[in-house]
Amino acid sequence: MSEPISALNHARYDGIAKVRECGLQGMITLRGDLSDKVLAKAVKDATGQKMPGQREALVDGESGVCWMSTDELLVLVPYAEVEAKLAALTNALSGTHALAVNVSDARAVFSISGSNAREVLGKLAPVELSVEAFQPGQIRRSRLAQVAGAFWMDDAETFRVVCFRSAADYVFKLLKAAAQPGSEVGVY
């Protein structure tokens, strides 16, 4: 059996912000009625987090839960625990109209950090990223140039970006180009 590897094997670039591929991350897409108490308990048991509100990301390290749409969550767990957490979710939700799927190996995760992180991401995503409009605990699904992605803030100067693994190299190159020294725009 082969060992799993991340999309870009921890690629990194230091420019006006630090860009790095985060490595393996356990991710479960969970679909269902987000107001269902059984589903909320299953999420709490899997992540330690309450049910997120609209456009909310409740993430602590490798564990958490992100609101993706009115009937979809992204459940984050350590990669080594994803199969056990998926089995527990599936068991807890038996008899409930819900779907839980391991999407860990279909996604890539990046970190953008530093005082210019908002500038770097702002060049690629049509989202208002000012401090007043976007804070830690919020998530957006959007475009990163020409590909779909989602992102949230781990802290005031760090974004985490998720995209399809098949677009990981493209997204890394976009982030790298947006972080080139001397490319500050001064918007954020």
N, C-alpha and C. Protein backbone atom coordinates (compact mmCIF):
# COMPACT_ATOMS: atom_id res chain seq x y z
N MET A 1 0.84 -1.17 0.00
CA MET A 1 0.00 0.00 0.00
C MET A 1 0.89 1.24 0.00
N SER A 2 0.55 2.22 -0.81
CA SER A 2 1.35 3.43 -0.88
C SER A 2 0.96 4.39 0.24
N GLU A 3 1.89 5.24 0.57
CA GLU A 3 1.65 6.27 1.59
C GLU A 3 0.97 7.47 0.94
N PRO A 4 -0.03 8.04 1.59
CA PRO A 4 -0.67 9.23 1.02
C PRO A 4 0.29 10.42 1.07
N ILE A 5 0.24 11.24 0.04
CA ILE A 5 1.03 12.46 0.02
C ILE A 5 0.12 13.61 -0.37
N SER A 6 0.48 14.78 0.08
CA SER A 6 -0.33 15.94 -0.25
C SER A 6 -0.13 16.33 -1.71
N ALA A 7 -0.95 17.21 -2.18
CA ALA A 7 -0.94 17.58 -3.60
C ALA A 7 0.41 18.11 -4.06
N LEU A 8 1.07 18.95 -3.27
CA LEU A 8 2.31 19.58 -3.69
C LEU A 8 3.45 19.34 -2.71
N ASN A 9 3.29 18.37 -1.83
CA ASN A 9 4.36 17.97 -0.91
C ASN A 9 4.95 19.16 -0.15
N HIS A 10 4.08 19.98 0.43
CA HIS A 10 4.46 21.11 1.29
C HIS A 10 5.20 22.22 0.55
N ALA A 11 4.86 22.47 -0.70
CA ALA A 11 5.48 23.57 -1.45
C ALA A 11 5.29 24.86 -0.69
N ARG A 12 6.26 25.76 -0.82
CA ARG A 12 6.15 27.05 -0.12
C ARG A 12 6.83 28.15 -0.91
N TYR A 13 6.40 29.37 -0.62
CA TYR A 13 6.99 30.54 -1.25
C TYR A 13 6.89 31.69 -0.26
N ASP A 14 7.98 32.41 -0.08
CA ASP A 14 8.00 33.59 0.78
C ASP A 14 8.17 34.83 -0.08
N GLY A 15 7.16 35.67 -0.09
CA GLY A 15 7.18 36.93 -0.82
C GLY A 15 6.63 38.01 0.10
N ILE A 16 5.66 38.80 -0.40
CA ILE A 16 5.05 39.80 0.47
C ILE A 16 4.18 39.13 1.53
N ALA A 17 3.89 37.86 1.31
CA ALA A 17 3.23 36.99 2.30
C ALA A 17 3.82 35.60 2.12
N LYS A 18 3.66 34.77 3.14
CA LYS A 18 4.13 33.39 3.05
C LYS A 18 3.00 32.52 2.53
N VAL A 19 3.30 31.77 1.49
CA VAL A 19 2.34 30.85 0.89
C VAL A 19 2.89 29.45 1.07
N ARG A 20 2.05 28.57 1.60
CA ARG A 20 2.51 27.18 1.73
C ARG A 20 1.35 26.22 1.56
N GLU A 21 1.68 25.08 1.00
CA GLU A 21 0.71 24.00 0.90
C GLU A 21 0.75 23.30 2.26
N CYS A 22 -0.41 23.12 2.87
CA CYS A 22 -0.48 22.68 4.27
C CYS A 22 -0.29 21.18 4.48
N GLY A 23 -0.35 20.39 3.45
CA GLY A 23 -0.23 18.96 3.65
C GLY A 23 -1.59 18.30 3.77
N LEU A 24 -1.58 17.10 4.25
CA LEU A 24 -2.80 16.30 4.33
C LEU A 24 -3.76 16.85 5.39
N GLN A 25 -5.02 16.94 5.03
CA GLN A 25 -6.07 17.42 5.93
C GLN A 25 -7.28 16.53 5.75
N GLY A 26 -7.79 15.99 6.82
CA GLY A 26 -9.02 15.21 6.75
C GLY A 26 -10.20 16.13 6.50
N MET A 27 -11.00 15.80 5.48
CA MET A 27 -12.16 16.62 5.12
C MET A 27 -13.34 15.72 4.77
N ILE A 28 -14.46 16.04 5.36
CA ILE A 28 -15.70 15.30 5.10
C ILE A 28 -16.76 16.29 4.66
N THR A 29 -17.34 16.06 3.50
CA THR A 29 -18.49 16.85 3.09
C THR A 29 -19.71 16.23 3.75
N LEU A 30 -20.46 17.05 4.46
CA LEU A 30 -21.66 16.58 5.17
C LEU A 30 -22.85 17.37 4.66
N ARG A 31 -23.81 16.65 4.10
CA ARG A 31 -25.02 17.31 3.60
C ARG A 31 -26.21 16.82 4.38
N GLY A 32 -27.12 17.74 4.65
CA GLY A 32 -28.33 17.40 5.38
C GLY A 32 -29.03 18.66 5.85
N ASP A 33 -30.01 18.48 6.71
CA ASP A 33 -30.76 19.58 7.30
C ASP A 33 -29.92 20.15 8.45
N LEU A 34 -29.35 21.33 8.27
CA LEU A 34 -28.45 21.90 9.27
C LEU A 34 -29.16 22.32 10.56
N SER A 35 -30.48 22.32 10.54
CA SER A 35 -31.21 22.62 11.77
C SER A 35 -31.53 21.35 12.57
N ASP A 36 -31.21 20.19 12.02
CA ASP A 36 -31.47 18.91 12.67
C ASP A 36 -30.57 18.73 13.90
N LYS A 37 -31.17 18.46 15.04
CA LYS A 37 -30.40 18.31 16.29
C LYS A 37 -29.49 17.09 16.26
N VAL A 38 -29.90 16.04 15.56
CA VAL A 38 -29.07 14.83 15.45
C VAL A 38 -27.80 15.16 14.66
N LEU A 39 -27.96 15.92 13.58
CA LEU A 39 -26.82 16.33 12.77
C LEU A 39 -25.90 17.25 13.57
N ALA A 40 -26.47 18.18 14.31
CA ALA A 40 -25.67 19.10 15.12
C ALA A 40 -24.86 18.34 16.17
N LYS A 41 -25.47 17.34 16.79
CA LYS A 41 -24.75 16.54 17.79
C LYS A 41 -23.63 15.74 17.15
N ALA A 42 -23.88 15.18 15.97
CA ALA A 42 -22.85 14.41 15.26
C ALA A 42 -21.66 15.30 14.91
N VAL A 43 -21.93 16.54 14.49
CA VAL A 43 -20.86 17.49 14.17
C VAL A 43 -20.07 17.84 15.43
N LYS A 44 -20.77 18.09 16.51
CA LYS A 44 -20.11 18.42 17.80
C LYS A 44 -19.24 17.26 18.25
N ASP A 45 -19.75 16.03 18.14
CA ASP A 45 -18.97 14.86 18.54
C ASP A 45 -17.73 14.67 17.68
N ALA A 46 -17.84 14.99 16.40
CA ALA A 46 -16.71 14.80 15.47
C ALA A 46 -15.65 15.87 15.59
N THR A 47 -16.08 17.11 15.89
CA THR A 47 -15.15 18.24 15.83
C THR A 47 -14.97 19.01 17.13
N GLY A 48 -15.90 18.83 18.05
CA GLY A 48 -15.88 19.64 19.27
C GLY A 48 -16.49 21.02 19.06
N GLN A 49 -17.01 21.28 17.87
CA GLN A 49 -17.57 22.59 17.54
C GLN A 49 -19.08 22.53 17.41
N LYS A 50 -19.72 23.66 17.69
CA LYS A 50 -21.17 23.77 17.48
C LYS A 50 -21.46 23.88 15.99
N MET A 51 -22.71 23.86 15.65
CA MET A 51 -23.12 24.02 14.26
C MET A 51 -22.82 25.46 13.83
N PRO A 52 -22.10 25.66 12.73
CA PRO A 52 -21.79 27.02 12.31
C PRO A 52 -23.00 27.70 11.69
N GLY A 53 -23.01 29.02 11.80
CA GLY A 53 -24.03 29.81 11.13
C GLY A 53 -23.62 30.07 9.69
N GLN A 54 -24.46 30.81 8.98
CA GLN A 54 -24.20 31.11 7.57
C GLN A 54 -22.85 31.80 7.41
N ARG A 55 -22.03 31.31 6.48
CA ARG A 55 -20.69 31.83 6.17
C ARG A 55 -19.77 31.87 7.40
N GLU A 56 -19.92 30.88 8.28
CA GLU A 56 -19.10 30.81 9.48
C GLU A 56 -18.16 29.60 9.42
N ALA A 57 -16.93 29.80 9.89
CA ALA A 57 -15.93 28.74 9.97
C ALA A 57 -15.46 28.65 11.41
N LEU A 58 -15.73 27.53 12.05
CA LEU A 58 -15.32 27.29 13.43
C LEU A 58 -14.20 26.26 13.39
N VAL A 59 -12.97 26.74 13.32
CA VAL A 59 -11.82 25.88 13.08
C VAL A 59 -10.75 26.14 14.14
N ASP A 60 -10.22 25.06 14.68
CA ASP A 60 -9.12 25.13 15.63
C ASP A 60 -8.08 24.11 15.20
N GLY A 61 -7.02 24.57 14.55
CA GLY A 61 -6.00 23.66 14.06
C GLY A 61 -6.53 22.79 12.94
N GLU A 62 -6.42 21.48 13.10
CA GLU A 62 -6.87 20.54 12.06
C GLU A 62 -8.32 20.12 12.22
N SER A 63 -9.01 20.62 13.23
CA SER A 63 -10.40 20.23 13.48
C SER A 63 -11.32 21.43 13.40
N GLY A 64 -12.50 21.18 12.88
CA GLY A 64 -13.48 22.25 12.83
C GLY A 64 -14.59 21.94 11.86
N VAL A 65 -15.42 22.93 11.65
CA VAL A 65 -16.56 22.78 10.74
C VAL A 65 -16.81 24.12 10.07
N CYS A 66 -17.05 24.07 8.77
CA CYS A 66 -17.29 25.27 7.96
C CYS A 66 -18.63 25.16 7.27
N TRP A 67 -19.40 26.24 7.30
CA TRP A 67 -20.66 26.33 6.58
C TRP A 67 -20.32 26.51 5.10
N MET A 68 -20.87 25.66 4.25
CA MET A 68 -20.60 25.75 2.81
C MET A 68 -21.83 26.19 2.02
N SER A 69 -23.02 25.80 2.48
CA SER A 69 -24.27 26.23 1.85
C SER A 69 -25.40 25.89 2.82
N THR A 70 -26.62 26.15 2.42
CA THR A 70 -27.76 25.95 3.32
C THR A 70 -27.95 24.51 3.76
N ASP A 71 -27.34 23.56 3.02
CA ASP A 71 -27.47 22.15 3.42
C ASP A 71 -26.13 21.41 3.39
N GLU A 72 -25.03 22.16 3.48
CA GLU A 72 -23.71 21.53 3.36
C GLU A 72 -22.69 22.11 4.34
N LEU A 73 -21.93 21.21 4.94
CA LEU A 73 -20.83 21.58 5.82
C LEU A 73 -19.55 20.92 5.33
N LEU A 74 -18.42 21.54 5.65
CA LEU A 74 -17.12 20.91 5.46
C LEU A 74 -16.59 20.61 6.86
N VAL A 75 -16.49 19.33 7.18
CA VAL A 75 -16.02 18.89 8.49
C VAL A 75 -14.52 18.62 8.36
N LEU A 76 -13.73 19.28 9.21
CA LEU A 76 -12.28 19.14 9.20
C LEU A 76 -11.84 18.31 10.40
N VAL A 77 -11.03 17.31 10.14
CA VAL A 77 -10.49 16.44 11.19
C VAL A 77 -9.04 16.10 10.82
N PRO A 78 -8.23 15.68 11.76
CA PRO A 78 -6.89 15.24 11.38
C PRO A 78 -6.97 14.13 10.33
N TYR A 79 -6.07 14.16 9.38
CA TYR A 79 -6.09 13.20 8.27
C TYR A 79 -6.11 11.75 8.75
N ALA A 80 -5.33 11.45 9.77
CA ALA A 80 -5.24 10.07 10.28
C ALA A 80 -6.55 9.60 10.91
N GLU A 81 -7.44 10.52 11.25
CA GLU A 81 -8.70 10.18 11.93
C GLU A 81 -9.91 10.22 11.01
N VAL A 82 -9.73 10.55 9.74
CA VAL A 82 -10.88 10.82 8.88
C VAL A 82 -11.78 9.60 8.71
N GLU A 83 -11.23 8.41 8.53
CA GLU A 83 -12.07 7.23 8.33
C GLU A 83 -12.88 6.91 9.59
N ALA A 84 -12.25 7.02 10.76
CA ALA A 84 -12.96 6.76 12.02
C ALA A 84 -14.05 7.81 12.25
N LYS A 85 -13.74 9.07 11.96
CA LYS A 85 -14.74 10.14 12.15
C LYS A 85 -15.89 9.98 11.16
N LEU A 86 -15.57 9.57 9.93
CA LEU A 86 -16.62 9.34 8.93
C LEU A 86 -17.53 8.21 9.37
N ALA A 87 -16.95 7.12 9.88
CA ALA A 87 -17.75 5.99 10.35
C ALA A 87 -18.64 6.42 11.51
N ALA A 88 -18.10 7.22 12.43
CA ALA A 88 -18.89 7.69 13.57
C ALA A 88 -20.03 8.61 13.10
N LEU A 89 -19.74 9.49 12.15
CA LEU A 89 -20.78 10.37 11.61
C LEU A 89 -21.87 9.54 10.93
N THR A 90 -21.46 8.61 10.10
CA THR A 90 -22.42 7.76 9.39
C THR A 90 -23.30 6.99 10.37
N ASN A 91 -22.69 6.45 11.41
CA ASN A 91 -23.43 5.72 12.43
C ASN A 91 -24.40 6.65 13.17
N ALA A 92 -23.91 7.81 13.57
CA ALA A 92 -24.75 8.76 14.31
C ALA A 92 -25.92 9.27 13.47
N LEU A 93 -25.73 9.32 12.17
CA LEU A 93 -26.76 9.87 11.29
C LEU A 93 -27.63 8.81 10.63
N SER A 94 -27.47 7.53 11.00
CA SER A 94 -28.31 6.49 10.41
C SER A 94 -29.77 6.80 10.76
N GLY A 95 -30.62 6.69 9.79
CA GLY A 95 -32.02 7.02 9.99
C GLY A 95 -32.32 8.50 9.77
N THR A 96 -31.29 9.29 9.54
CA THR A 96 -31.45 10.73 9.27
C THR A 96 -31.15 10.96 7.80
N HIS A 97 -31.88 11.87 7.19
CA HIS A 97 -31.62 12.20 5.79
C HIS A 97 -30.35 13.03 5.72
N ALA A 98 -29.22 12.37 5.49
CA ALA A 98 -27.92 13.04 5.45
C ALA A 98 -26.95 12.22 4.61
N LEU A 99 -25.88 12.87 4.17
CA LEU A 99 -24.84 12.22 3.40
C LEU A 99 -23.49 12.72 3.89
N ALA A 100 -22.59 11.81 4.20
CA ALA A 100 -21.23 12.17 4.63
C ALA A 100 -20.25 11.44 3.73
N VAL A 101 -19.30 12.19 3.14
CA VAL A 101 -18.34 11.62 2.19
C VAL A 101 -16.95 12.15 2.49
N ASN A 102 -15.97 11.25 2.49
CA ASN A 102 -14.58 11.63 2.68
C ASN A 102 -14.07 12.27 1.38
N VAL A 103 -13.71 13.55 1.43
CA VAL A 103 -13.19 14.25 0.26
C VAL A 103 -11.74 14.69 0.46
N SER A 104 -11.08 14.14 1.47
CA SER A 104 -9.73 14.55 1.84
C SER A 104 -8.76 14.52 0.67
N ASP A 105 -8.73 13.44 -0.06
CA ASP A 105 -7.76 13.27 -1.13
C ASP A 105 -8.16 13.98 -2.42
N ALA A 106 -9.31 14.60 -2.43
CA ALA A 106 -9.76 15.34 -3.60
C ALA A 106 -9.53 16.84 -3.45
N ARG A 107 -8.94 17.24 -2.33
CA ARG A 107 -8.74 18.66 -2.04
C ARG A 107 -7.29 18.95 -1.72
N ALA A 108 -6.91 20.21 -1.89
CA ALA A 108 -5.60 20.72 -1.47
C ALA A 108 -5.86 21.92 -0.56
N VAL A 109 -4.96 22.12 0.40
CA VAL A 109 -5.12 23.21 1.37
C VAL A 109 -3.85 24.05 1.38
N PHE A 110 -4.03 25.37 1.34
CA PHE A 110 -2.92 26.32 1.38
C PHE A 110 -3.10 27.28 2.54
N SER A 111 -1.99 27.82 2.99
CA SER A 111 -1.98 28.87 4.00
C SER A 111 -1.33 30.09 3.37
N ILE A 112 -1.93 31.26 3.61
CA ILE A 112 -1.35 32.53 3.21
C ILE A 112 -1.23 33.34 4.50
N SER A 113 -0.01 33.72 4.87
CA SER A 113 0.16 34.40 6.14
C SER A 113 1.08 35.61 6.02
N GLY A 114 0.89 36.52 6.94
CA GLY A 114 1.68 37.74 6.99
C GLY A 114 0.81 38.97 6.86
N SER A 115 1.43 40.12 7.05
CA SER A 115 0.67 41.37 7.04
C SER A 115 0.05 41.69 5.67
N ASN A 116 0.55 41.09 4.61
CA ASN A 116 -0.01 41.32 3.27
C ASN A 116 -0.86 40.16 2.76
N ALA A 117 -1.26 39.27 3.65
CA ALA A 117 -2.07 38.12 3.22
C ALA A 117 -3.37 38.55 2.55
N ARG A 118 -4.01 39.59 3.07
CA ARG A 118 -5.26 40.08 2.47
C ARG A 118 -5.01 40.58 1.04
N GLU A 119 -3.88 41.26 0.84
CA GLU A 119 -3.53 41.75 -0.50
C GLU A 119 -3.38 40.60 -1.48
N VAL A 120 -2.67 39.55 -1.06
CA VAL A 120 -2.42 38.42 -1.95
C VAL A 120 -3.74 37.78 -2.36
N LEU A 121 -4.58 37.45 -1.40
CA LEU A 121 -5.85 36.81 -1.73
C LEU A 121 -6.79 37.76 -2.47
N GLY A 122 -6.73 39.03 -2.11
CA GLY A 122 -7.58 40.03 -2.75
C GLY A 122 -7.32 40.20 -4.24
N LYS A 123 -6.13 39.85 -4.69
CA LYS A 123 -5.81 39.93 -6.12
C LYS A 123 -6.48 38.81 -6.91
N LEU A 124 -6.91 37.76 -6.22
CA LEU A 124 -7.42 36.57 -6.90
C LEU A 124 -8.91 36.33 -6.72
N ALA A 125 -9.48 36.79 -5.62
CA ALA A 125 -10.88 36.47 -5.30
C ALA A 125 -11.72 37.74 -5.29
N PRO A 126 -12.88 37.72 -5.94
CA PRO A 126 -13.75 38.89 -5.96
C PRO A 126 -14.57 38.99 -4.67
N VAL A 127 -13.85 39.18 -3.56
CA VAL A 127 -14.47 39.24 -2.23
C VAL A 127 -13.91 40.45 -1.50
N GLU A 128 -14.74 41.16 -0.79
CA GLU A 128 -14.29 42.27 0.05
C GLU A 128 -13.53 41.70 1.24
N LEU A 129 -12.24 41.98 1.32
CA LEU A 129 -11.40 41.39 2.36
C LEU A 129 -10.87 42.41 3.36
N SER A 130 -11.49 43.58 3.41
CA SER A 130 -11.05 44.56 4.41
C SER A 130 -11.28 43.99 5.81
N VAL A 131 -10.56 44.53 6.78
CA VAL A 131 -10.69 44.08 8.17
C VAL A 131 -12.14 44.22 8.64
N GLU A 132 -12.82 45.25 8.19
CA GLU A 132 -14.20 45.48 8.60
C GLU A 132 -15.15 44.44 7.99
N ALA A 133 -14.83 43.95 6.80
CA ALA A 133 -15.74 43.06 6.09
C ALA A 133 -15.45 41.58 6.27
N PHE A 134 -14.19 41.23 6.59
CA PHE A 134 -13.84 39.81 6.66
C PHE A 134 -12.92 39.59 7.86
N GLN A 135 -13.37 38.72 8.75
CA GLN A 135 -12.68 38.46 10.02
C GLN A 135 -12.46 36.97 10.22
N PRO A 136 -11.57 36.61 11.14
CA PRO A 136 -11.47 35.20 11.52
C PRO A 136 -12.85 34.69 11.95
N GLY A 137 -13.16 33.47 11.58
CA GLY A 137 -14.47 32.89 11.89
C GLY A 137 -15.45 32.97 10.73
N GLN A 138 -15.06 33.65 9.65
CA GLN A 138 -15.92 33.74 8.48
C GLN A 138 -15.31 32.89 7.36
N ILE A 139 -16.15 32.43 6.45
CA ILE A 139 -15.71 31.66 5.29
C ILE A 139 -16.41 32.18 4.05
N ARG A 140 -15.72 32.09 2.94
CA ARG A 140 -16.32 32.41 1.65
C ARG A 140 -15.99 31.32 0.66
N ARG A 141 -16.97 30.98 -0.14
CA ARG A 141 -16.76 30.15 -1.34
C ARG A 141 -16.74 31.13 -2.48
N SER A 142 -15.73 31.02 -3.32
CA SER A 142 -15.58 32.00 -4.38
C SER A 142 -14.73 31.41 -5.49
N ARG A 143 -14.20 32.27 -6.31
CA ARG A 143 -13.27 31.89 -7.36
C ARG A 143 -11.89 32.38 -6.95
N LEU A 144 -10.90 31.62 -7.33
CA LEU A 144 -9.51 32.02 -7.21
C LEU A 144 -9.02 32.09 -8.65
N ALA A 145 -9.09 33.28 -9.22
CA ALA A 145 -8.88 33.46 -10.66
C ALA A 145 -9.93 32.61 -11.37
N GLN A 146 -9.55 31.50 -11.99
CA GLN A 146 -10.48 30.72 -12.80
C GLN A 146 -10.98 29.43 -12.15
N VAL A 147 -10.65 29.19 -10.89
CA VAL A 147 -11.07 27.93 -10.26
C VAL A 147 -11.86 28.19 -8.98
N ALA A 148 -12.69 27.22 -8.64
CA ALA A 148 -13.48 27.31 -7.42
C ALA A 148 -12.60 27.09 -6.20
N GLY A 149 -12.92 27.78 -5.13
CA GLY A 149 -12.19 27.59 -3.88
C GLY A 149 -13.01 28.12 -2.72
N ALA A 150 -12.50 27.88 -1.54
CA ALA A 150 -13.10 28.42 -0.32
C ALA A 150 -11.95 28.86 0.58
N PHE A 151 -12.22 29.84 1.43
CA PHE A 151 -11.17 30.29 2.35
C PHE A 151 -11.76 30.89 3.61
N TRP A 152 -10.98 30.80 4.68
CA TRP A 152 -11.32 31.39 5.97
C TRP A 152 -10.02 31.87 6.60
N MET A 153 -10.15 32.57 7.71
CA MET A 153 -8.97 33.08 8.42
C MET A 153 -8.77 32.29 9.70
N ASP A 154 -7.54 31.83 9.91
CA ASP A 154 -7.18 31.17 11.17
C ASP A 154 -6.93 32.21 12.25
N ASP A 155 -6.39 33.37 11.85
CA ASP A 155 -6.15 34.49 12.75
C ASP A 155 -6.12 35.76 11.91
N ALA A 156 -5.80 36.90 12.50
CA ALA A 156 -5.88 38.19 11.81
C ALA A 156 -4.96 38.31 10.59
N GLU A 157 -3.94 37.46 10.49
CA GLU A 157 -3.01 37.55 9.36
C GLU A 157 -2.81 36.23 8.61
N THR A 158 -3.73 35.27 8.81
CA THR A 158 -3.55 33.96 8.17
C THR A 158 -4.86 33.46 7.56
N PHE A 159 -4.80 33.20 6.26
CA PHE A 159 -5.93 32.60 5.55
C PHE A 159 -5.61 31.14 5.29
N ARG A 160 -6.63 30.32 5.29
CA ARG A 160 -6.51 28.95 4.81
C ARG A 160 -7.41 28.84 3.58
N VAL A 161 -6.87 28.28 2.51
CA VAL A 161 -7.55 28.18 1.22
C VAL A 161 -7.70 26.71 0.85
N VAL A 162 -8.88 26.32 0.41
CA VAL A 162 -9.14 24.96 -0.04
C VAL A 162 -9.57 25.02 -1.51
N CYS A 163 -8.97 24.12 -2.31
CA CYS A 163 -9.36 24.01 -3.71
C CYS A 163 -9.33 22.54 -4.10
N PHE A 164 -9.77 22.25 -5.30
CA PHE A 164 -9.68 20.89 -5.79
C PHE A 164 -8.21 20.52 -5.98
N ARG A 165 -7.88 19.30 -5.65
CA ARG A 165 -6.50 18.83 -5.79
C ARG A 165 -6.01 18.95 -7.24
N SER A 166 -6.89 18.73 -8.17
CA SER A 166 -6.50 18.80 -9.58
C SER A 166 -6.06 20.21 -9.99
N ALA A 167 -6.46 21.22 -9.23
CA ALA A 167 -6.08 22.61 -9.52
C ALA A 167 -5.00 23.12 -8.57
N ALA A 168 -4.43 22.25 -7.75
CA ALA A 168 -3.47 22.69 -6.72
C ALA A 168 -2.26 23.40 -7.30
N ASP A 169 -1.67 22.87 -8.34
CA ASP A 169 -0.49 23.50 -8.92
C ASP A 169 -0.84 24.89 -9.47
N TYR A 170 -1.96 24.98 -10.15
CA TYR A 170 -2.43 26.27 -10.69
C TYR A 170 -2.65 27.27 -9.57
N VAL A 171 -3.33 26.87 -8.51
CA VAL A 171 -3.60 27.78 -7.39
C VAL A 171 -2.31 28.20 -6.71
N PHE A 172 -1.38 27.26 -6.50
CA PHE A 172 -0.10 27.63 -5.89
C PHE A 172 0.62 28.66 -6.76
N LYS A 173 0.62 28.47 -8.06
CA LYS A 173 1.29 29.43 -8.94
C LYS A 173 0.59 30.79 -8.92
N LEU A 174 -0.74 30.80 -8.83
CA LEU A 174 -1.47 32.06 -8.70
C LEU A 174 -1.09 32.78 -7.41
N LEU A 175 -1.08 32.03 -6.30
CA LEU A 175 -0.74 32.63 -5.01
C LEU A 175 0.70 33.13 -5.01
N LYS A 176 1.57 32.37 -5.60
CA LYS A 176 2.98 32.75 -5.69
C LYS A 176 3.13 34.04 -6.50
N ALA A 177 2.46 34.14 -7.63
CA ALA A 177 2.53 35.35 -8.46
C ALA A 177 1.95 36.55 -7.71
N ALA A 178 0.86 36.33 -6.98
CA ALA A 178 0.23 37.42 -6.23
C ALA A 178 1.07 37.87 -5.03
N ALA A 179 2.02 37.03 -4.61
CA ALA A 179 2.86 37.34 -3.45
C ALA A 179 4.26 37.82 -3.84
N GLN A 180 4.48 38.12 -5.11
CA GLN A 180 5.80 38.56 -5.56
C GLN A 180 6.22 39.85 -4.83
N PRO A 181 7.48 39.93 -4.41
CA PRO A 181 7.97 41.17 -3.78
C PRO A 181 7.75 42.36 -4.70
N GLY A 182 7.34 43.46 -4.11
CA GLY A 182 7.10 44.67 -4.88
C GLY A 182 5.74 44.72 -5.53
N SER A 183 4.88 43.72 -5.29
CA SER A 183 3.58 43.69 -5.95
C SER A 183 2.45 44.24 -5.08
N GLU A 184 2.80 44.86 -3.96
CA GLU A 184 1.78 45.42 -3.09
C GLU A 184 0.93 46.44 -3.83
N VAL A 185 -0.35 46.37 -3.64
CA VAL A 185 -1.27 47.31 -4.28
C VAL A 185 -1.70 48.38 -3.27
N GLY A 186 -1.71 48.01 -2.00
CA GLY A 186 -2.06 48.96 -0.95
C GLY A 186 -3.55 49.07 -0.67
N VAL A 187 -4.33 48.12 -1.16
CA VAL A 187 -5.78 48.15 -0.94
C VAL A 187 -6.10 47.75 0.51
N TYR A 188 -5.42 46.72 0.98
CA TYR A 188 -5.68 46.24 2.34
C TYR A 188 -4.51 46.55 3.23
